N, C-alpha and C. Protein backbone atom coordinates (compact mmCIF):
# COMPACT_ATOMS: atom_id res chain seq x y z
N MET A 1 117.90 90.89 -164.98
CA MET A 1 116.54 91.18 -163.79
C MET A 1 116.71 91.82 -162.67
N ASN A 2 116.01 92.70 -162.52
CA ASN A 2 116.17 93.80 -161.33
C ASN A 2 115.45 93.48 -160.29
N LEU A 3 115.72 93.82 -159.16
CA LEU A 3 115.20 93.23 -157.97
C LEU A 3 113.78 93.45 -157.87
N ALA A 4 112.95 94.51 -158.35
CA ALA A 4 111.79 94.71 -158.70
C ALA A 4 110.84 93.62 -159.38
N GLU A 5 111.73 93.02 -160.04
CA GLU A 5 110.90 91.70 -160.99
C GLU A 5 111.02 90.68 -160.16
N THR A 6 111.76 90.47 -159.47
CA THR A 6 112.15 89.14 -158.46
C THR A 6 111.52 89.23 -157.14
N HIS A 7 110.90 90.46 -156.74
CA HIS A 7 110.18 90.84 -155.38
C HIS A 7 109.31 91.63 -155.90
N PRO A 8 107.82 91.38 -156.24
CA PRO A 8 106.97 92.48 -156.58
C PRO A 8 106.48 93.02 -155.24
N SER A 9 106.14 94.50 -155.61
CA SER A 9 105.88 94.89 -154.47
C SER A 9 104.36 94.69 -154.43
N GLY A 10 103.77 95.01 -153.23
CA GLY A 10 102.50 95.25 -153.02
C GLY A 10 101.95 93.83 -152.33
N PRO A 11 100.47 93.82 -152.10
CA PRO A 11 99.88 92.33 -151.75
C PRO A 11 100.08 91.44 -152.67
N PRO A 12 100.06 90.38 -152.32
CA PRO A 12 99.89 89.24 -153.33
C PRO A 12 98.20 89.04 -154.21
N ALA A 13 98.02 88.60 -155.48
CA ALA A 13 97.45 88.35 -156.09
C ALA A 13 96.08 87.48 -155.10
N SER A 14 94.93 88.12 -155.15
CA SER A 14 93.92 87.62 -154.55
C SER A 14 93.00 86.94 -155.22
N ALA A 15 92.08 85.93 -154.85
CA ALA A 15 91.49 85.19 -155.50
C ALA A 15 90.28 85.70 -154.93
N GLY A 16 89.91 86.03 -153.86
CA GLY A 16 88.54 86.92 -153.04
C GLY A 16 88.91 87.33 -151.33
N PRO A 17 88.25 87.75 -150.82
CA PRO A 17 88.15 88.15 -149.56
C PRO A 17 88.52 86.67 -148.55
N VAL A 18 87.57 85.46 -148.84
CA VAL A 18 87.79 84.25 -148.03
C VAL A 18 89.55 84.08 -147.87
N PHE A 19 90.32 84.06 -149.11
CA PHE A 19 91.69 84.19 -148.92
C PHE A 19 92.25 84.97 -148.26
N ASP A 20 91.91 86.26 -148.48
CA ASP A 20 92.66 87.11 -147.42
C ASP A 20 92.48 87.38 -146.20
N VAL A 21 91.20 86.41 -145.61
CA VAL A 21 90.77 86.68 -144.27
C VAL A 21 91.44 85.51 -144.13
N LEU A 22 91.60 84.55 -144.68
CA LEU A 22 92.19 83.03 -144.33
C LEU A 22 93.90 83.15 -144.33
N ALA A 23 94.41 83.99 -144.78
CA ALA A 23 96.24 84.61 -144.71
C ALA A 23 95.87 85.47 -143.80
N ALA A 24 95.18 86.09 -143.58
CA ALA A 24 95.24 86.95 -142.15
C ALA A 24 95.50 86.42 -140.63
N MET A 25 94.38 85.38 -140.57
CA MET A 25 94.26 84.32 -139.61
C MET A 25 95.46 83.72 -139.67
N VAL A 26 96.15 83.06 -140.62
CA VAL A 26 97.29 82.39 -140.74
C VAL A 26 98.80 83.10 -139.91
N ARG A 27 98.30 84.15 -140.79
CA ARG A 27 99.54 85.42 -140.21
C ARG A 27 99.46 85.77 -138.46
N GLY A 28 98.14 86.13 -138.11
CA GLY A 28 97.86 86.12 -136.54
C GLY A 28 98.96 85.01 -135.82
N LEU A 29 98.08 83.63 -136.12
CA LEU A 29 98.58 82.50 -135.47
C LEU A 29 99.81 82.04 -135.41
N THR A 30 101.13 82.45 -136.93
CA THR A 30 102.26 82.05 -136.70
C THR A 30 102.94 83.37 -135.69
N GLY A 31 102.79 84.77 -136.11
CA GLY A 31 103.04 85.57 -135.16
C GLY A 31 102.90 85.20 -133.44
N LEU A 32 101.88 84.70 -133.23
CA LEU A 32 101.42 84.45 -131.98
C LEU A 32 102.24 83.22 -131.38
N ALA A 33 102.43 82.35 -132.13
CA ALA A 33 103.15 81.22 -132.37
C ALA A 33 105.08 81.42 -131.67
N LEU A 34 105.36 82.24 -132.99
CA LEU A 34 106.92 83.03 -132.58
C LEU A 34 107.32 83.62 -131.54
N VAL A 35 106.23 84.55 -131.35
CA VAL A 35 106.28 85.15 -129.75
C VAL A 35 106.09 84.39 -128.70
N LEU A 36 105.42 83.35 -128.42
CA LEU A 36 105.49 82.27 -127.90
C LEU A 36 106.74 81.88 -127.62
N LEU A 37 106.97 81.02 -128.72
CA LEU A 37 108.67 80.21 -128.66
C LEU A 37 109.37 81.15 -128.16
N VAL A 38 109.75 82.10 -128.55
CA VAL A 38 110.61 83.32 -128.00
C VAL A 38 110.52 83.41 -126.21
N LEU A 39 109.38 83.59 -126.14
CA LEU A 39 109.24 83.71 -124.83
C LEU A 39 109.24 82.31 -123.95
N LEU A 40 109.13 81.23 -124.46
CA LEU A 40 109.09 79.99 -123.74
C LEU A 40 111.04 79.64 -123.91
N VAL A 41 111.72 80.12 -124.79
CA VAL A 41 112.91 80.09 -124.88
C VAL A 41 113.68 80.94 -123.96
N CYS A 42 113.08 82.11 -123.87
CA CYS A 42 113.90 82.96 -122.80
C CYS A 42 113.57 82.38 -121.42
N ALA A 43 112.44 82.08 -121.14
CA ALA A 43 112.11 81.85 -120.13
C ALA A 43 112.93 80.66 -119.41
N GLU A 44 113.44 79.30 -120.51
CA GLU A 44 114.41 78.60 -119.81
C GLU A 44 115.80 79.35 -120.05
N ILE A 45 116.06 80.00 -120.54
CA ILE A 45 117.34 80.55 -120.44
C ILE A 45 117.62 81.27 -118.77
N VAL A 46 116.77 81.81 -118.62
CA VAL A 46 116.57 82.42 -117.47
C VAL A 46 116.74 81.92 -116.31
N THR A 47 115.75 80.72 -116.25
CA THR A 47 115.54 79.62 -114.89
C THR A 47 116.73 78.91 -115.03
N ARG A 48 117.33 78.91 -116.06
CA ARG A 48 118.71 78.09 -115.85
C ARG A 48 119.86 78.83 -115.43
N PHE A 49 119.90 79.81 -115.50
CA PHE A 49 121.05 80.79 -115.56
C PHE A 49 121.12 81.39 -114.04
N PHE A 50 119.85 81.93 -113.33
CA PHE A 50 119.45 82.14 -112.42
C PHE A 50 118.99 81.65 -111.03
N PHE A 51 118.42 80.14 -111.49
CA PHE A 51 117.90 79.62 -110.75
C PHE A 51 118.55 77.87 -110.90
N ASN A 52 119.64 77.94 -112.00
CA ASN A 52 120.08 76.22 -111.85
C ASN A 52 118.87 75.31 -112.20
N HIS A 53 117.61 75.52 -112.46
CA HIS A 53 116.49 74.58 -113.09
C HIS A 53 115.96 74.87 -114.30
N SER A 54 115.53 73.74 -114.76
CA SER A 54 115.09 73.82 -116.19
C SER A 54 113.46 73.68 -116.15
N LEU A 55 112.32 73.91 -117.06
CA LEU A 55 111.26 74.08 -116.79
C LEU A 55 110.83 72.47 -117.66
N MET A 56 111.73 71.93 -117.90
CA MET A 56 111.61 70.62 -118.47
C MET A 56 110.69 70.39 -119.53
N ILE A 57 109.83 71.80 -120.15
CA ILE A 57 108.74 71.33 -121.09
C ILE A 57 109.01 72.47 -122.47
N VAL A 58 109.98 73.25 -122.48
CA VAL A 58 110.23 74.35 -123.44
C VAL A 58 110.72 73.32 -124.80
N GLU A 59 111.81 72.30 -124.78
CA GLU A 59 112.38 71.32 -125.63
C GLU A 59 110.95 71.18 -126.18
N GLU A 60 109.96 70.22 -125.78
CA GLU A 60 109.13 69.95 -126.06
C GLU A 60 108.19 70.85 -127.07
N LEU A 61 107.42 71.73 -126.20
CA LEU A 61 106.76 72.43 -127.11
C LEU A 61 107.52 73.27 -128.23
N ALA A 62 108.90 73.67 -128.05
CA ALA A 62 109.38 74.62 -128.75
C ALA A 62 109.20 73.50 -129.85
N GLY A 63 109.76 72.45 -130.16
CA GLY A 63 109.83 71.61 -131.23
C GLY A 63 108.22 71.53 -131.79
N TYR A 64 106.94 71.49 -131.25
CA TYR A 64 105.72 71.56 -131.66
C TYR A 64 105.26 72.93 -132.19
N LEU A 65 105.99 74.23 -131.88
CA LEU A 65 105.89 75.73 -132.39
C LEU A 65 106.88 75.54 -133.63
N VAL A 66 108.11 75.14 -133.41
CA VAL A 66 108.41 75.03 -135.03
C VAL A 66 108.11 74.27 -136.06
N VAL A 67 107.06 72.89 -135.90
CA VAL A 67 106.74 72.24 -137.12
C VAL A 67 105.70 73.22 -137.18
N GLY A 68 104.91 74.13 -136.31
CA GLY A 68 103.68 74.53 -136.67
C GLY A 68 104.33 76.03 -137.81
N LEU A 69 105.10 76.67 -137.24
CA LEU A 69 105.98 77.58 -137.91
C LEU A 69 106.35 77.38 -139.40
N THR A 70 106.78 76.32 -139.44
CA THR A 70 107.24 75.99 -140.52
C THR A 70 106.21 75.66 -141.65
N LEU A 71 105.21 74.86 -141.63
CA LEU A 71 104.40 74.74 -142.38
C LEU A 71 103.00 75.64 -142.69
N PHE A 72 103.14 76.78 -141.64
CA PHE A 72 101.94 77.55 -141.51
C PHE A 72 102.98 78.74 -142.47
N GLY A 73 104.19 78.92 -142.17
CA GLY A 73 105.01 79.81 -142.62
C GLY A 73 105.00 79.62 -144.07
N ALA A 74 105.16 78.33 -144.94
CA ALA A 74 105.54 78.14 -145.81
C ALA A 74 104.33 78.16 -146.58
N SER A 75 103.16 78.10 -146.32
CA SER A 75 101.95 78.46 -146.79
C SER A 75 101.91 80.19 -147.27
N LEU A 76 102.05 80.79 -146.02
CA LEU A 76 102.27 82.20 -146.45
C LEU A 76 103.24 82.61 -147.22
N SER A 77 104.18 81.98 -147.42
CA SER A 77 105.53 82.11 -148.46
C SER A 77 104.94 81.61 -149.92
N LEU A 78 104.14 80.74 -149.71
CA LEU A 78 103.91 80.17 -151.24
C LEU A 78 102.62 81.40 -151.90
N ARG A 79 101.80 82.04 -150.74
CA ARG A 79 100.79 82.90 -151.64
C ARG A 79 101.61 84.21 -151.66
N ASN A 80 103.10 84.76 -151.22
CA ASN A 80 103.71 85.59 -151.37
C ASN A 80 104.43 85.86 -152.35
N ASN A 81 104.37 84.58 -152.92
CA ASN A 81 105.30 84.47 -154.06
C ASN A 81 106.99 84.55 -153.73
N SER A 82 107.44 83.92 -152.58
CA SER A 82 108.48 84.50 -151.78
C SER A 82 109.03 82.94 -151.45
N LEU A 83 108.47 81.68 -152.12
CA LEU A 83 109.25 80.45 -151.85
C LEU A 83 110.40 80.31 -152.87
N PHE A 84 111.27 79.80 -152.76
CA PHE A 84 112.34 79.38 -154.07
C PHE A 84 112.10 79.07 -154.96
N GLN A 85 112.42 79.49 -156.07
CA GLN A 85 112.26 79.40 -157.32
C GLN A 85 113.48 78.61 -158.11
N VAL A 86 113.59 78.24 -158.98
CA VAL A 86 114.45 78.32 -160.61
C VAL A 86 113.80 78.44 -161.53
N GLY A 87 113.80 79.58 -162.26
CA GLY A 87 112.91 79.94 -163.00
C GLY A 87 113.66 80.37 -164.49
N PHE A 88 114.89 79.70 -164.59
CA PHE A 88 115.43 80.41 -165.64
C PHE A 88 115.36 79.30 -167.17
N VAL A 89 114.84 78.28 -166.80
CA VAL A 89 114.45 77.54 -167.72
C VAL A 89 113.17 77.74 -168.11
N LEU A 90 112.15 78.13 -167.24
CA LEU A 90 110.58 78.23 -167.58
C LEU A 90 110.53 79.48 -168.36
N HIS A 91 111.95 80.61 -167.69
CA HIS A 91 111.10 81.89 -168.56
C HIS A 91 111.96 82.22 -169.73
N ALA A 92 112.66 80.70 -170.10
CA ALA A 92 113.15 81.11 -171.39
C ALA A 92 112.19 80.31 -172.41
N LEU A 93 110.97 79.86 -171.94
CA LEU A 93 109.87 79.30 -172.93
C LEU A 93 109.04 80.19 -172.89
N PRO A 94 108.38 80.45 -174.09
CA PRO A 94 107.04 81.03 -174.33
C PRO A 94 105.85 81.23 -173.17
N SER A 95 105.40 82.47 -173.25
CA SER A 95 104.06 82.81 -172.02
C SER A 95 103.47 81.48 -171.81
N GLY A 96 102.58 81.31 -172.99
CA GLY A 96 101.50 80.16 -173.23
C GLY A 96 102.23 78.89 -173.03
N THR A 97 103.38 78.12 -172.82
CA THR A 97 103.86 76.96 -172.26
C THR A 97 104.03 77.20 -171.11
N GLN A 98 104.71 78.78 -170.51
CA GLN A 98 105.07 78.68 -169.46
C GLN A 98 103.66 78.45 -168.58
N ARG A 99 102.49 79.35 -169.03
CA ARG A 99 101.00 79.01 -168.03
C ARG A 99 100.83 77.86 -168.21
N LEU A 100 101.02 76.86 -169.07
CA LEU A 100 100.59 75.67 -169.37
C LEU A 100 101.36 74.72 -167.89
N LEU A 101 102.66 75.17 -167.92
CA LEU A 101 103.43 74.26 -166.93
C LEU A 101 103.19 74.78 -165.71
N ASN A 102 103.00 75.85 -165.45
CA ASN A 102 102.41 76.11 -163.85
C ASN A 102 101.03 75.57 -163.62
N LEU A 103 100.05 75.65 -164.45
CA LEU A 103 99.12 74.75 -164.20
C LEU A 103 99.03 73.47 -163.76
N LEU A 104 99.91 72.71 -164.54
CA LEU A 104 100.46 71.51 -164.29
C LEU A 104 101.21 71.25 -163.14
N PHE A 105 102.10 71.92 -162.69
CA PHE A 105 102.41 71.89 -161.38
C PHE A 105 101.83 72.44 -160.19
N MET A 106 101.04 73.45 -160.46
CA MET A 106 99.97 73.66 -159.25
C MET A 106 99.05 72.27 -159.35
N LEU A 107 98.66 71.81 -159.92
CA LEU A 107 97.57 70.67 -160.15
C LEU A 107 98.44 69.60 -159.29
N LEU A 108 99.70 69.40 -159.73
CA LEU A 108 100.52 68.00 -159.24
C LEU A 108 100.92 68.19 -157.75
N SER A 109 101.23 69.73 -157.64
CA SER A 109 101.62 70.09 -155.93
C SER A 109 100.24 69.79 -155.23
N LEU A 110 99.05 70.04 -155.88
CA LEU A 110 97.77 70.16 -155.09
C LEU A 110 97.80 68.21 -155.02
N GLY A 111 97.90 67.63 -155.78
CA GLY A 111 97.74 66.29 -155.47
C GLY A 111 98.52 65.65 -154.67
N VAL A 112 100.01 66.01 -154.47
CA VAL A 112 100.65 65.55 -153.66
C VAL A 112 100.14 66.14 -152.28
N CYS A 113 99.62 67.41 -151.92
CA CYS A 113 99.34 67.77 -150.79
C CYS A 113 98.22 67.08 -150.30
N GLY A 114 97.10 66.55 -151.20
CA GLY A 114 96.29 65.73 -151.10
C GLY A 114 96.68 64.34 -150.70
N VAL A 115 97.39 63.91 -150.90
CA VAL A 115 97.73 62.46 -150.58
C VAL A 115 98.70 62.67 -149.00
N LEU A 116 98.97 63.66 -149.02
CA LEU A 116 100.17 63.90 -147.57
C LEU A 116 98.80 64.16 -146.44
N ILE A 117 98.09 65.18 -146.86
CA ILE A 117 96.85 65.36 -146.08
C ILE A 117 96.12 63.99 -145.77
N TRP A 118 96.19 63.15 -146.44
CA TRP A 118 95.16 62.20 -146.32
C TRP A 118 96.20 61.30 -145.24
N GLN A 119 97.18 61.01 -145.53
CA GLN A 119 97.97 59.84 -144.92
C GLN A 119 98.56 60.95 -143.42
N THR A 120 98.64 62.07 -143.20
CA THR A 120 98.74 62.48 -142.21
C THR A 120 97.73 62.55 -141.03
N CYS A 121 96.85 62.64 -141.74
CA CYS A 121 95.11 62.71 -140.99
C CYS A 121 95.26 60.76 -140.22
N LYS A 122 95.59 60.31 -141.31
CA LYS A 122 95.29 58.60 -140.86
C LYS A 122 96.16 58.51 -139.85
N LEU A 123 97.43 59.12 -139.60
CA LEU A 123 98.47 59.15 -138.49
C LEU A 123 97.74 59.71 -137.28
N VAL A 124 97.11 61.01 -137.39
CA VAL A 124 96.22 61.26 -136.47
C VAL A 124 95.12 60.75 -136.17
N MET A 125 94.34 59.84 -136.53
CA MET A 125 93.51 59.45 -136.07
C MET A 125 93.71 58.00 -135.17
N SER A 126 94.93 57.64 -136.03
CA SER A 126 95.24 56.67 -135.13
C SER A 126 96.10 57.04 -134.00
N SER A 127 96.68 57.84 -133.73
CA SER A 127 97.32 58.25 -132.75
C SER A 127 96.22 58.73 -131.53
N TYR A 128 95.03 59.47 -131.81
CA TYR A 128 94.13 59.43 -131.00
C TYR A 128 93.10 58.26 -130.72
N ALA A 129 92.78 57.28 -131.37
CA ALA A 129 92.30 56.07 -131.39
C ALA A 129 93.14 55.25 -130.11
N ARG A 130 94.33 54.87 -130.64
CA ARG A 130 95.04 54.56 -129.41
C ARG A 130 95.79 55.22 -128.04
N GLY A 131 95.11 56.40 -128.14
CA GLY A 131 95.49 57.22 -126.88
C GLY A 131 97.02 57.33 -126.73
N ASN A 132 97.79 57.58 -127.85
CA ASN A 132 99.54 57.76 -127.98
C ASN A 132 99.48 59.15 -127.07
N VAL A 133 100.67 59.02 -126.10
CA VAL A 133 100.95 60.06 -125.67
C VAL A 133 102.43 60.47 -125.63
N ALA A 134 103.11 61.32 -125.65
CA ALA A 134 104.32 61.64 -125.75
C ALA A 134 105.14 61.07 -124.73
N PRO A 135 106.55 60.73 -124.78
CA PRO A 135 106.76 60.01 -123.67
C PRO A 135 107.82 61.40 -122.94
N THR A 136 107.04 62.53 -122.43
CA THR A 136 107.87 63.83 -121.81
C THR A 136 107.21 63.79 -120.28
N THR A 137 107.53 64.78 -120.03
CA THR A 137 106.92 65.50 -118.55
C THR A 137 105.68 65.70 -118.51
N LEU A 138 105.44 66.29 -119.75
CA LEU A 138 103.56 67.11 -120.12
C LEU A 138 102.77 65.82 -120.51
N MET A 139 103.34 64.98 -121.18
CA MET A 139 102.62 63.56 -121.70
C MET A 139 101.57 64.00 -122.52
N THR A 140 102.03 64.93 -123.73
CA THR A 140 101.06 65.47 -124.48
C THR A 140 100.75 64.18 -125.56
N PRO A 141 98.96 64.26 -125.48
CA PRO A 141 98.50 63.27 -126.47
C PRO A 141 98.78 64.04 -127.93
N LEU A 142 99.62 62.39 -128.31
CA LEU A 142 100.19 62.72 -129.66
C LEU A 142 99.23 63.58 -130.75
N TRP A 143 98.05 63.05 -130.76
CA TRP A 143 97.29 63.62 -132.01
C TRP A 143 96.92 64.98 -132.00
N ILE A 144 97.46 65.41 -130.98
CA ILE A 144 97.33 67.34 -131.17
C ILE A 144 98.45 68.10 -131.60
N PRO A 145 99.66 67.54 -131.35
CA PRO A 145 100.83 68.37 -132.10
C PRO A 145 100.85 67.75 -133.43
N GLN A 146 100.41 66.40 -133.58
CA GLN A 146 100.52 66.05 -135.04
C GLN A 146 99.39 66.19 -135.73
N LEU A 147 98.49 67.11 -135.37
CA LEU A 147 97.29 67.62 -136.11
C LEU A 147 98.20 68.75 -137.13
N LEU A 148 99.00 69.41 -136.18
CA LEU A 148 99.71 70.93 -137.06
C LEU A 148 100.07 70.39 -138.20
N VAL A 149 100.34 69.05 -138.70
CA VAL A 149 100.92 68.66 -140.07
C VAL A 149 99.57 68.78 -141.18
N PRO A 150 99.01 68.03 -140.99
CA PRO A 150 97.44 68.29 -141.80
C PRO A 150 97.02 69.52 -142.02
N LEU A 151 96.66 70.19 -141.07
CA LEU A 151 96.23 71.80 -141.07
C LEU A 151 97.44 72.61 -141.93
N GLY A 152 98.50 71.96 -141.09
CA GLY A 152 99.89 73.29 -142.43
C GLY A 152 99.47 73.09 -144.10
N LEU A 153 99.57 71.68 -144.20
CA LEU A 153 99.26 71.26 -145.78
C LEU A 153 97.85 71.66 -146.08
N LEU A 154 97.02 71.54 -145.25
CA LEU A 154 95.67 71.93 -146.19
C LEU A 154 95.93 73.53 -146.39
N MET A 155 96.40 74.32 -145.67
CA MET A 155 96.68 76.12 -145.56
C MET A 155 97.43 75.98 -147.30
N ILE A 156 98.78 75.31 -147.14
CA ILE A 156 99.43 75.42 -148.51
C ILE A 156 98.67 74.34 -149.72
N ALA A 157 97.86 73.78 -149.62
CA ALA A 157 96.83 73.16 -150.80
C ALA A 157 95.77 74.51 -150.81
N LEU A 158 95.35 74.66 -149.99
CA LEU A 158 94.19 76.23 -150.12
C LEU A 158 94.92 77.18 -150.94
N PHE A 159 96.23 77.90 -150.36
CA PHE A 159 96.68 78.52 -151.14
C PHE A 159 97.45 78.50 -152.83
N ILE A 160 97.63 76.79 -152.91
CA ILE A 160 97.59 76.25 -154.42
C ILE A 160 96.56 76.95 -155.28
N VAL A 161 95.45 76.50 -154.51
CA VAL A 161 93.89 76.74 -155.11
C VAL A 161 93.85 78.05 -155.41
N GLU A 162 94.01 78.82 -154.34
CA GLU A 162 93.93 80.46 -154.68
C GLU A 162 95.08 80.97 -156.13
N LYS A 163 96.15 80.27 -156.44
CA LYS A 163 96.90 80.52 -157.46
C LYS A 163 96.13 79.92 -158.62
N LEU A 164 96.04 78.68 -158.53
CA LEU A 164 95.34 78.44 -159.75
C LEU A 164 93.92 79.24 -160.20
N ILE A 165 93.23 79.45 -158.97
CA ILE A 165 92.33 80.49 -159.43
C ILE A 165 92.77 81.74 -160.09
N VAL A 166 93.45 82.66 -159.43
CA VAL A 166 94.32 83.71 -159.69
C VAL A 166 94.77 83.34 -161.47
N THR A 167 95.49 82.13 -161.61
CA THR A 167 96.05 81.79 -162.97
C THR A 167 94.87 81.89 -163.89
N LEU A 168 93.90 81.04 -163.70
CA LEU A 168 92.94 80.50 -164.60
C LEU A 168 92.12 82.31 -164.72
N ARG A 169 91.86 83.01 -163.83
CA ARG A 169 91.08 84.35 -164.44
C ARG A 169 92.40 85.32 -164.75
N THR A 170 93.70 85.40 -164.62
CA THR A 170 94.33 86.34 -165.26
C THR A 170 94.81 85.97 -166.63
N GLY A 171 95.15 84.56 -166.84
CA GLY A 171 95.72 84.13 -167.84
C GLY A 171 97.19 83.98 -167.54
N ARG A 172 97.62 84.43 -166.38
CA ARG A 172 98.97 84.39 -166.34
C ARG A 172 99.21 83.68 -164.80
N ALA A 173 100.33 83.23 -164.87
CA ALA A 173 100.93 82.82 -163.08
C ALA A 173 101.20 84.23 -161.99
N GLU A 174 101.02 84.15 -161.13
CA GLU A 174 100.95 85.34 -160.06
C GLU A 174 102.29 84.68 -159.36
């Protein structure tokens, strides 16, 4: 198998303009988060080196940004077929069996995402209702960074739905 077969060129298969706009929004937000993360870390380095002083908020904000980048980045990787896969067993099967197993896997993945979204939404609502705040200088209301988790999982679920639509339309997994 050559590199072109494992990393197809061009845009990912799309189920429609709604998914394309959603992916563009996620790309923009993750790009902005990455730039913000780099700026925060650089600012912390400069203030510590030149002024012997810490901003005292960078570690907290960097943690929130890393969580967001991980989940939203995973959704984009899923859409672009660039998540790690072990396909040597799957590729040895007939194409009809491959399609069926891919559909089952996507449905199972969607179910897992649904459960995780539900449970993390309950956590966010609990933190909001209790008024929980981070024990840090910023005293961030915990529901704000916690909201990144169900939103990131929702993006993953939406791109799984897109893959399901594309697979059912074309008859093959993209």
